[in-house]
């Protein structure tokens, strides 16, 4: 999921640069800096690993050890029944 998110975010780089180029003509330097700092791909590179670490921490609190991200993605396919 992280790789897919990063690939999607990378596709937003050129449109962001295009908008920044237009803002050079229409805005002050602070406006251009604001547009450039709003690039979604940089946010995805920071937020996605933090989210993954949070899920691993929550699983560990419940006694579930997950060694890699692939296992975490496969976890949704696990089917189990609780004994009553």
N, C-alpha and C. Protein backbone atom coordinates (compact mmCIF):
# COMPACT_ATOMS: atom_id res chain seq x y z
N UNK A 1 0.82 -1.19 0.00
CA UNK A 1 0.00 0.00 0.00
C UNK A 1 0.86 1.25 0.00
N UNK A 2 1.97 1.19 0.73
CA UNK A 2 2.86 2.34 0.77
C UNK A 2 3.42 2.64 -0.61
N UNK A 3 3.82 1.61 -1.32
CA UNK A 3 4.37 1.80 -2.67
C UNK A 3 3.33 2.38 -3.61
N UNK A 4 2.10 1.91 -3.51
CA UNK A 4 1.02 2.44 -4.35
C UNK A 4 0.77 3.90 -4.02
N UNK A 5 0.76 4.24 -2.74
CA UNK A 5 0.55 5.63 -2.34
C UNK A 5 1.65 6.54 -2.82
N UNK A 6 2.89 6.06 -2.75
CA UNK A 6 4.01 6.86 -3.22
C UNK A 6 3.97 7.05 -4.73
N UNK A 7 3.58 6.00 -5.45
CA UNK A 7 3.48 6.12 -6.91
C UNK A 7 2.41 7.13 -7.29
N UNK A 8 1.29 7.09 -6.59
CA UNK A 8 0.22 8.05 -6.85
C UNK A 8 0.68 9.47 -6.52
N UNK A 9 1.36 9.61 -5.39
CA UNK A 9 1.83 10.93 -4.99
C UNK A 9 2.88 11.47 -5.95
N UNK A 10 3.72 10.59 -6.49
CA UNK A 10 4.74 11.04 -7.44
C UNK A 10 4.13 11.63 -8.70
N UNK A 11 2.94 11.16 -9.06
CA UNK A 11 2.28 11.72 -10.24
C UNK A 11 1.78 13.14 -10.01
N UNK A 12 1.76 13.60 -8.78
CA UNK A 12 1.31 14.97 -8.49
C UNK A 12 2.45 15.99 -8.52
N UNK A 13 3.68 15.53 -8.71
CA UNK A 13 4.82 16.44 -8.67
C UNK A 13 4.77 17.43 -9.84
N UNK A 14 4.59 16.94 -11.06
CA UNK A 14 4.59 17.84 -12.21
C UNK A 14 3.43 18.84 -12.19
N UNK A 15 2.21 18.41 -11.84
CA UNK A 15 1.15 19.43 -11.72
C UNK A 15 1.46 20.49 -10.67
N UNK A 16 2.08 20.08 -9.57
CA UNK A 16 2.44 21.05 -8.53
C UNK A 16 3.46 22.04 -9.07
N UNK A 17 4.44 21.55 -9.80
CA UNK A 17 5.44 22.45 -10.39
C UNK A 17 4.80 23.38 -11.42
N UNK A 18 3.82 22.87 -12.16
CA UNK A 18 3.11 23.72 -13.12
C UNK A 18 2.35 24.84 -12.43
N UNK A 19 1.66 24.52 -11.35
CA UNK A 19 0.93 25.55 -10.60
C UNK A 19 1.91 26.54 -9.99
N UNK A 20 3.05 26.05 -9.51
CA UNK A 20 4.06 26.95 -8.97
C UNK A 20 4.59 27.89 -10.05
N UNK A 21 4.75 27.37 -11.27
CA UNK A 21 5.19 28.22 -12.38
C UNK A 21 4.18 29.31 -12.68
N UNK A 22 2.91 28.98 -12.65
CA UNK A 22 1.87 29.99 -12.85
C UNK A 22 1.84 31.00 -11.71
N UNK A 23 2.09 30.51 -10.51
CA UNK A 23 2.04 31.43 -9.37
C UNK A 23 3.22 32.41 -9.37
N UNK A 24 4.30 32.08 -10.08
CA UNK A 24 5.40 33.02 -10.22
C UNK A 24 4.91 34.29 -10.89
N UNK A 25 4.02 34.11 -11.86
CA UNK A 25 3.49 35.27 -12.59
C UNK A 25 2.42 36.02 -11.81
N UNK A 26 1.70 35.30 -10.94
CA UNK A 26 0.54 35.89 -10.30
C UNK A 26 0.72 36.23 -8.82
N UNK A 27 1.72 35.67 -8.18
CA UNK A 27 1.84 35.84 -6.73
C UNK A 27 3.23 36.32 -6.35
N UNK A 28 3.35 36.65 -5.10
CA UNK A 28 4.65 37.03 -4.54
C UNK A 28 5.46 35.77 -4.24
N UNK A 29 6.73 35.93 -3.89
CA UNK A 29 7.57 34.75 -3.61
C UNK A 29 7.01 33.85 -2.50
N UNK A 30 6.33 34.44 -1.53
CA UNK A 30 5.75 33.63 -0.45
C UNK A 30 4.67 32.70 -1.01
N UNK A 31 3.91 33.17 -1.98
CA UNK A 31 2.89 32.34 -2.60
C UNK A 31 3.48 31.17 -3.35
N UNK A 32 4.58 31.43 -4.05
CA UNK A 32 5.27 30.36 -4.78
C UNK A 32 5.81 29.32 -3.80
N UNK A 33 6.38 29.77 -2.71
CA UNK A 33 6.91 28.86 -1.69
C UNK A 33 5.79 28.02 -1.07
N UNK A 34 4.63 28.63 -0.90
CA UNK A 34 3.48 27.91 -0.34
C UNK A 34 3.03 26.80 -1.29
N UNK A 35 2.96 27.11 -2.56
CA UNK A 35 2.55 26.10 -3.54
C UNK A 35 3.56 24.96 -3.58
N UNK A 36 4.84 25.28 -3.60
CA UNK A 36 5.86 24.24 -3.66
C UNK A 36 5.89 23.37 -2.40
N UNK A 37 5.61 23.96 -1.25
CA UNK A 37 5.64 23.18 0.00
C UNK A 37 4.38 22.34 0.18
N UNK A 38 3.39 22.53 -0.67
CA UNK A 38 2.17 21.73 -0.55
C UNK A 38 2.23 20.47 -1.40
N UNK A 39 3.39 20.10 -1.86
CA UNK A 39 3.56 18.91 -2.69
C UNK A 39 3.15 17.67 -1.90
N UNK A 40 2.17 16.93 -2.43
CA UNK A 40 1.59 15.80 -1.73
C UNK A 40 2.54 14.63 -1.60
N UNK A 41 3.49 14.48 -2.51
CA UNK A 41 4.37 13.32 -2.45
C UNK A 41 5.27 13.34 -1.23
N UNK A 42 5.70 14.53 -0.82
CA UNK A 42 6.54 14.61 0.38
C UNK A 42 5.75 14.25 1.63
N UNK A 43 4.50 14.65 1.66
CA UNK A 43 3.65 14.31 2.80
C UNK A 43 3.45 12.79 2.86
N UNK A 44 3.22 12.15 1.72
CA UNK A 44 3.02 10.70 1.68
C UNK A 44 4.27 9.94 2.14
N UNK A 45 5.44 10.46 1.83
CA UNK A 45 6.67 9.79 2.25
C UNK A 45 6.87 9.84 3.76
N UNK A 46 6.23 10.78 4.42
CA UNK A 46 6.36 10.89 5.87
C UNK A 46 5.20 10.20 6.58
N UNK A 47 3.98 10.44 6.12
CA UNK A 47 2.80 9.96 6.82
C UNK A 47 2.61 8.45 6.69
N UNK A 48 2.89 7.88 5.52
CA UNK A 48 2.64 6.45 5.31
C UNK A 48 3.47 5.57 6.25
N UNK A 49 4.78 5.77 6.39
CA UNK A 49 5.52 4.94 7.35
C UNK A 49 5.07 5.16 8.80
N UNK A 50 4.67 6.38 9.13
CA UNK A 50 4.18 6.61 10.49
C UNK A 50 2.89 5.86 10.75
N UNK A 51 2.01 5.82 9.75
CA UNK A 51 0.78 5.06 9.88
C UNK A 51 1.05 3.57 10.04
N UNK A 52 2.00 3.06 9.26
CA UNK A 52 2.37 1.64 9.37
C UNK A 52 2.92 1.33 10.75
N UNK A 53 3.76 2.19 11.27
CA UNK A 53 4.30 1.97 12.61
C UNK A 53 3.20 1.99 13.66
N UNK A 54 2.21 2.85 13.49
CA UNK A 54 1.11 2.91 14.43
C UNK A 54 0.32 1.60 14.43
N UNK A 55 0.03 1.05 13.24
CA UNK A 55 -0.68 -0.22 13.17
C UNK A 55 0.13 -1.35 13.79
N UNK A 56 1.43 -1.36 13.57
CA UNK A 56 2.28 -2.39 14.18
C UNK A 56 2.27 -2.27 15.70
N UNK A 57 2.27 -1.03 16.19
CA UNK A 57 2.23 -0.82 17.64
C UNK A 57 0.90 -1.29 18.22
N UNK A 58 -0.21 -0.98 17.56
CA UNK A 58 -1.52 -1.41 18.04
C UNK A 58 -1.63 -2.94 18.03
N UNK A 59 -1.10 -3.57 16.99
CA UNK A 59 -1.12 -5.03 16.93
C UNK A 59 -0.28 -5.63 18.04
N UNK A 60 0.88 -5.04 18.31
CA UNK A 60 1.75 -5.56 19.37
C UNK A 60 1.09 -5.44 20.74
N UNK A 61 0.33 -4.38 20.96
CA UNK A 61 -0.39 -4.23 22.23
C UNK A 61 -1.43 -5.34 22.42
N UNK A 62 -1.94 -5.87 21.31
CA UNK A 62 -2.92 -6.96 21.37
C UNK A 62 -2.24 -8.34 21.35
N UNK A 63 -0.92 -8.36 21.37
CA UNK A 63 -0.18 -9.61 21.40
C UNK A 63 0.07 -10.22 20.03
N UNK A 64 -0.04 -9.44 18.98
CA UNK A 64 0.17 -9.93 17.62
C UNK A 64 1.48 -9.35 17.08
N UNK A 65 2.42 -10.22 16.78
CA UNK A 65 3.72 -9.79 16.25
C UNK A 65 3.69 -9.89 14.73
N UNK A 66 3.93 -8.78 14.07
CA UNK A 66 3.95 -8.73 12.61
C UNK A 66 5.36 -8.34 12.20
N UNK A 67 6.01 -9.21 11.43
CA UNK A 67 7.41 -8.99 11.11
C UNK A 67 7.65 -8.13 9.89
N UNK A 68 6.70 -8.08 8.94
CA UNK A 68 6.91 -7.24 7.77
C UNK A 68 5.57 -6.72 7.25
N UNK A 69 5.65 -5.74 6.39
CA UNK A 69 4.44 -5.08 5.87
C UNK A 69 3.59 -6.00 5.02
N UNK A 70 4.21 -6.93 4.31
CA UNK A 70 3.45 -7.86 3.48
C UNK A 70 2.52 -8.71 4.34
N UNK A 71 3.01 -9.13 5.50
CA UNK A 71 2.17 -9.90 6.42
C UNK A 71 1.00 -9.07 6.92
N UNK A 72 1.24 -7.81 7.16
CA UNK A 72 0.16 -6.93 7.61
C UNK A 72 -0.90 -6.77 6.53
N UNK A 73 -0.50 -6.68 5.28
CA UNK A 73 -1.47 -6.56 4.20
C UNK A 73 -2.26 -7.85 4.01
N UNK A 74 -1.64 -9.01 4.26
CA UNK A 74 -2.34 -10.29 4.13
C UNK A 74 -3.25 -10.58 5.31
N UNK A 75 -3.10 -9.85 6.39
CA UNK A 75 -3.88 -10.08 7.60
C UNK A 75 -5.38 -9.94 7.36
N UNK A 76 -5.78 -9.10 6.43
CA UNK A 76 -7.20 -8.92 6.17
C UNK A 76 -7.84 -10.16 5.53
N UNK A 77 -7.04 -11.07 5.00
CA UNK A 77 -7.57 -12.28 4.38
C UNK A 77 -7.72 -13.44 5.37
N UNK A 78 -7.26 -13.27 6.58
CA UNK A 78 -7.33 -14.34 7.58
C UNK A 78 -8.78 -14.51 8.02
N UNK A 79 -9.22 -15.77 8.02
CA UNK A 79 -10.58 -16.09 8.45
C UNK A 79 -10.47 -16.95 9.71
N UNK A 80 -11.13 -16.56 10.77
CA UNK A 80 -11.07 -17.31 11.99
C UNK A 80 -12.41 -17.27 12.69
N UNK A 81 -12.61 -18.25 13.56
CA UNK A 81 -13.83 -18.30 14.37
C UNK A 81 -13.42 -18.40 15.82
N UNK A 82 -14.08 -17.65 16.65
CA UNK A 82 -13.82 -17.70 18.08
C UNK A 82 -14.56 -18.87 18.70
N UNK A 83 -13.88 -19.58 19.58
CA UNK A 83 -14.53 -20.69 20.29
C UNK A 83 -15.31 -20.11 21.46
N UNK A 84 -16.53 -20.54 21.61
CA UNK A 84 -17.35 -20.03 22.73
C UNK A 84 -17.64 -21.11 23.72
